[in-house]
N, C-alpha and C. Protein backbone atom coordinates (compact mmCIF):
# COMPACT_ATOMS: atom_id res chain seq x y z
N MET A 1 80.26 80.62 85.61
CA MET A 1 81.15 81.52 86.31
C MET A 1 81.51 80.96 87.69
N ILE A 2 80.52 80.42 88.41
CA ILE A 2 80.75 79.87 89.74
C ILE A 2 81.69 78.66 89.65
N LYS A 3 81.50 77.81 88.66
CA LYS A 3 82.36 76.64 88.51
C LYS A 3 83.80 77.04 88.25
N LYS A 4 83.98 78.11 87.51
CA LYS A 4 85.33 78.59 87.22
C LYS A 4 86.01 79.10 88.49
N ILE A 5 85.27 79.81 89.33
CA ILE A 5 85.81 80.32 90.60
C ILE A 5 86.17 79.16 91.52
N ILE A 6 85.28 78.18 91.62
CA ILE A 6 85.55 77.02 92.47
C ILE A 6 86.76 76.25 91.97
N ALA A 7 86.87 76.07 90.66
CA ALA A 7 88.01 75.37 90.10
C ALA A 7 89.32 76.12 90.39
N LYS A 8 89.28 77.44 90.29
CA LYS A 8 90.46 78.25 90.57
C LYS A 8 90.88 78.11 92.03
N GLU A 9 89.91 78.19 92.94
CA GLU A 9 90.22 78.06 94.37
C GLU A 9 90.73 76.66 94.69
N TRP A 10 90.17 75.65 94.06
CA TRP A 10 90.60 74.28 94.28
C TRP A 10 92.06 74.11 93.85
N LEU A 11 92.41 74.66 92.69
CA LEU A 11 93.78 74.57 92.22
C LEU A 11 94.74 75.35 93.12
N LEU A 12 94.29 76.51 93.63
CA LEU A 12 95.12 77.25 94.58
C LEU A 12 95.35 76.46 95.86
N LEU A 13 94.32 75.79 96.35
CA LEU A 13 94.46 74.97 97.55
C LEU A 13 95.43 73.82 97.31
N LEU A 14 95.26 73.10 96.21
CA LEU A 14 96.14 71.97 95.93
C LEU A 14 97.58 72.42 95.72
N GLY A 15 97.76 73.50 94.99
CA GLY A 15 99.10 74.03 94.77
C GLY A 15 99.76 74.47 96.06
N SER A 16 98.98 75.11 96.93
CA SER A 16 99.52 75.55 98.21
C SER A 16 99.89 74.38 99.10
N ILE A 17 99.06 73.33 99.09
CA ILE A 17 99.37 72.14 99.88
C ILE A 17 100.65 71.48 99.38
N LEU A 18 100.77 71.34 98.06
CA LEU A 18 101.99 70.76 97.50
C LEU A 18 103.21 71.61 97.83
N PHE A 19 103.06 72.91 97.76
CA PHE A 19 104.16 73.81 98.11
C PHE A 19 104.54 73.66 99.58
N GLY A 20 103.54 73.59 100.46
CA GLY A 20 103.80 73.42 101.88
C GLY A 20 104.50 72.11 102.19
N ILE A 21 104.03 71.02 101.58
CA ILE A 21 104.67 69.71 101.79
C ILE A 21 106.10 69.74 101.29
N THR A 22 106.31 70.32 100.12
CA THR A 22 107.65 70.39 99.56
C THR A 22 108.59 71.19 100.46
N CYS A 23 108.12 72.33 100.94
CA CYS A 23 108.95 73.15 101.84
C CYS A 23 109.28 72.41 103.13
N ILE A 24 108.31 71.70 103.68
CA ILE A 24 108.56 70.96 104.92
C ILE A 24 109.57 69.85 104.68
N PHE A 25 109.44 69.10 103.58
CA PHE A 25 110.39 68.03 103.30
C PHE A 25 111.79 68.59 103.06
N ILE A 26 111.90 69.69 102.34
CA ILE A 26 113.22 70.29 102.10
C ILE A 26 113.83 70.75 103.42
N LEU A 27 113.03 71.37 104.26
CA LEU A 27 113.51 71.82 105.56
C LEU A 27 113.94 70.65 106.43
N CYS A 28 113.14 69.59 106.45
CA CYS A 28 113.46 68.43 107.27
C CYS A 28 114.70 67.71 106.76
N ILE A 29 114.85 67.63 105.46
CA ILE A 29 116.05 67.00 104.90
C ILE A 29 117.27 67.84 105.24
N ALA A 30 117.14 69.15 105.16
CA ALA A 30 118.27 70.03 105.50
C ALA A 30 118.64 69.92 106.98
N LEU A 31 117.63 69.73 107.84
CA LEU A 31 117.89 69.61 109.27
C LEU A 31 118.15 68.17 109.71
N GLY A 32 117.88 67.22 108.82
CA GLY A 32 118.09 65.82 109.14
C GLY A 32 117.05 65.22 110.06
N THR A 33 115.81 65.69 109.99
CA THR A 33 114.75 65.20 110.88
C THR A 33 113.60 64.57 110.09
N THR A 34 113.92 63.81 109.07
CA THR A 34 112.89 63.24 108.21
C THR A 34 112.01 62.24 108.97
N GLU A 35 112.60 61.44 109.85
CA GLU A 35 111.83 60.43 110.58
C GLU A 35 110.78 61.08 111.48
N GLU A 36 111.14 62.20 112.11
CA GLU A 36 110.20 62.90 112.98
C GLU A 36 109.02 63.46 112.18
N LEU A 37 109.28 63.92 110.96
CA LEU A 37 108.21 64.43 110.12
C LEU A 37 107.23 63.32 109.75
N ILE A 38 107.75 62.18 109.37
CA ILE A 38 106.88 61.05 109.00
C ILE A 38 106.04 60.62 110.19
N GLU A 39 106.65 60.57 111.38
CA GLU A 39 105.89 60.22 112.59
C GLU A 39 104.80 61.24 112.88
N ALA A 40 105.10 62.52 112.67
CA ALA A 40 104.10 63.57 112.93
C ALA A 40 102.89 63.42 112.02
N PHE A 41 103.12 63.12 110.74
CA PHE A 41 102.00 62.94 109.82
C PHE A 41 101.22 61.67 110.13
N CYS A 42 101.92 60.63 110.52
CA CYS A 42 101.24 59.37 110.84
C CYS A 42 100.39 59.49 112.09
N LYS A 43 100.83 60.29 113.05
CA LYS A 43 100.09 60.48 114.29
C LYS A 43 99.01 61.56 114.15
N LEU A 44 98.89 62.15 112.98
CA LEU A 44 97.91 63.21 112.70
C LEU A 44 98.08 64.40 113.64
N GLU A 45 99.32 64.78 113.87
CA GLU A 45 99.57 65.92 114.73
C GLU A 45 99.14 67.20 114.02
N ILE A 46 98.45 68.04 114.74
CA ILE A 46 97.85 69.24 114.17
C ILE A 46 98.91 70.22 113.66
N GLU A 47 100.07 70.25 114.31
CA GLU A 47 101.12 71.17 113.89
C GLU A 47 101.60 70.85 112.48
N ALA A 48 101.70 69.57 112.16
CA ALA A 48 102.17 69.16 110.84
C ALA A 48 101.19 69.66 109.77
N TYR A 49 99.90 69.51 110.02
CA TYR A 49 98.92 69.94 109.04
C TYR A 49 98.83 71.47 108.97
N PHE A 50 99.08 72.14 110.08
CA PHE A 50 99.10 73.59 110.06
C PHE A 50 100.20 74.09 109.12
N PHE A 51 101.37 73.48 109.20
CA PHE A 51 102.47 73.91 108.35
C PHE A 51 102.21 73.58 106.88
N VAL A 52 101.48 72.51 106.62
CA VAL A 52 101.15 72.18 105.23
C VAL A 52 100.15 73.19 104.67
N LEU A 53 99.19 73.60 105.48
CA LEU A 53 98.15 74.52 105.01
C LEU A 53 98.52 75.99 105.16
N SER A 54 99.60 76.29 105.86
CA SER A 54 99.95 77.70 106.08
C SER A 54 100.19 78.50 104.80
N PRO A 55 100.77 77.91 103.72
CA PRO A 55 100.88 78.72 102.50
C PRO A 55 99.52 79.15 101.95
N TYR A 56 98.51 78.28 102.06
CA TYR A 56 97.17 78.64 101.58
C TYR A 56 96.57 79.74 102.45
N PHE A 57 96.73 79.61 103.78
CA PHE A 57 96.22 80.65 104.67
C PHE A 57 96.88 81.99 104.40
N LEU A 58 98.19 81.96 104.19
CA LEU A 58 98.92 83.19 103.89
C LEU A 58 98.45 83.79 102.57
N LEU A 59 98.26 82.96 101.56
CA LEU A 59 97.78 83.44 100.26
C LEU A 59 96.40 84.08 100.40
N GLN A 60 95.51 83.44 101.13
CA GLN A 60 94.17 83.99 101.31
C GLN A 60 94.19 85.29 102.11
N PHE A 61 95.07 85.38 103.08
CA PHE A 61 95.20 86.62 103.85
C PHE A 61 95.66 87.77 102.95
N VAL A 62 96.68 87.51 102.14
CA VAL A 62 97.18 88.55 101.23
C VAL A 62 96.10 88.95 100.24
N ARG A 63 95.37 87.97 99.70
CA ARG A 63 94.30 88.28 98.75
C ARG A 63 93.21 89.13 99.41
N SER A 64 92.87 88.84 100.66
CA SER A 64 91.82 89.61 101.33
C SER A 64 92.28 91.04 101.61
N VAL A 65 93.55 91.22 101.94
CA VAL A 65 94.07 92.57 102.16
C VAL A 65 94.05 93.36 100.86
N ILE A 66 94.46 92.73 99.77
CA ILE A 66 94.43 93.40 98.47
C ILE A 66 93.00 93.78 98.10
N TRP A 67 92.07 92.87 98.33
CA TRP A 67 90.66 93.14 98.04
C TRP A 67 90.15 94.32 98.87
N ALA A 68 90.50 94.35 100.16
CA ALA A 68 90.04 95.44 101.03
C ALA A 68 90.60 96.78 100.56
N ILE A 69 91.85 96.81 100.16
CA ILE A 69 92.45 98.05 99.66
C ILE A 69 91.74 98.52 98.40
N LYS A 70 91.45 97.59 97.49
CA LYS A 70 90.73 97.95 96.26
C LYS A 70 89.35 98.51 96.57
N VAL A 71 88.64 97.91 97.51
CA VAL A 71 87.30 98.38 97.87
C VAL A 71 87.38 99.77 98.49
N LEU A 72 88.36 99.99 99.34
CA LEU A 72 88.51 101.31 99.97
C LEU A 72 88.86 102.38 98.94
N LYS A 73 89.73 102.05 97.98
CA LYS A 73 90.07 103.01 96.94
C LYS A 73 88.88 103.30 96.05
N LYS A 74 88.09 102.28 95.76
CA LYS A 74 86.93 102.44 94.92
C LYS A 74 85.88 103.32 95.63
N SER A 75 85.70 103.13 96.93
CA SER A 75 84.70 103.92 97.65
C SER A 75 85.13 105.38 97.83
N LYS A 76 86.44 105.63 97.86
CA LYS A 76 86.91 107.02 97.94
C LYS A 76 86.65 107.78 96.64
N SER A 77 86.76 107.09 95.52
CA SER A 77 86.58 107.75 94.23
C SER A 77 85.11 107.99 93.91
N GLU A 78 84.22 107.30 94.59
CA GLU A 78 82.77 107.49 94.32
C GLU A 78 82.18 108.63 95.09
């Protein structure tokens, strides 16, 4: 059971990272700033990595809110 949960979280992380990278590249291509993006990743700028990981953070935030609502509803019914 634990391995299944870890595998699910790992796939969510990888999918979110790929989604974040794709969104950033599409945005940069639309704005015409592809060279600046490549420089940011090469210099290991924290902002670039924040934008790549932000879909995962957002997903985890939504999941935690949903979990909290379920727990509160469950405790009211008991």
